[in-house]
Amino acid sequence: MPVFPIRTKLSALVAAVALVVAAPVAPAFAKSHPLKKPTWLPKVTITEYYPAPEWWFVGAQVVTPGLDRRSRVDWLYSARGVSMEGDGVGLDGKPYHIASVGSSGWITQAGKSARFGSDSSIFAPFWRAEGFWRNASGDVTFPLEQGGWFNGVGRHYKSPRDITFASGASRPLRYYRSIAVDPNLIPLGSLVYVPAYKPLNKDGWFRADDTGGAIKGRHIDVYRRPPDSPSDSGRYLQDRRIFVVPEADVATYVRTARMSAGALPAIPRRLLRAPAR
């Protein structure tokens, strides 16, 4: 069987240092609530996400609802594809996204209703509950680009109903500049300094541009380019410390930080311009 491809009046200097060095550290046990001033946040988990690249997938090309193109079926509907990730990059190098998830949920590889958050892999989502075939045993299968079937010959087909896809990216995210956050803790539009990423983007600064269903509390998801291999799931960092400047405080922070010689790295000007939504 083929392998399935698998966040008081002070001097200018003192003010800037007060913002960074003496900024309050949020207690680890506190419930999530939106930060209201520049804060060092400890015990943060950092993961990465990216648009799903079609060239990782092995399914046959099928009609793409909402688009005048054919796409690999597992890239469209599987739990590693555009249906789950939200965005993808086609074989043509262009961005695409899911426009509407429709009314269908998710099913397991055995064709049963999937359960998110379950400790058992048998309940893990494998495919959208449409756009798939069942084999003689009722399990999910699909035709392969090179011929044959993923998990036995398909006997019954469940056609797509109201799911649709569209060209372009779903949001104007930027590689290694945008992160997904829990807005109940980190307001959207906030600037976030992640020391661990300074070697990667030269200054460690990001903007909170996105959210995610799995991004809860002290968890940020860094938007990056797709890895070269589907076996590369990206970085997974725990117990990290990040500095958050809530959106409402960005102008004040930038004004004082620019006059300081001992503050954090300068925020790139491009990052100060919020992307169009």
Foldseek 3Di string as FASTA:
>chain_A
DDDFQDAPDDPLAVVLCCQFVVAAEDDPPDAQAEDDFKYKYWWFKEFADEAAEQVQGWAAWDDAAADPDTGGLCQPWFCRHQLPRQWHAYPVRFIKGWPDNPDWDFAFQLRHAADPPDPDNRRHGTTTNASFFAAPNGGTKGATRVGDIDPHDGDGHGHDDPIHMGTDHPFPDDAQAEKAADCRYANAQKKKAFVVCCVPPVFRIHGHHHHDPPHDDRYMYGYHYDDPHSVPRGDIDTRGIMIIGHNVRVVVNLVSNVPYPPHGDHDDPVSNDDDDD
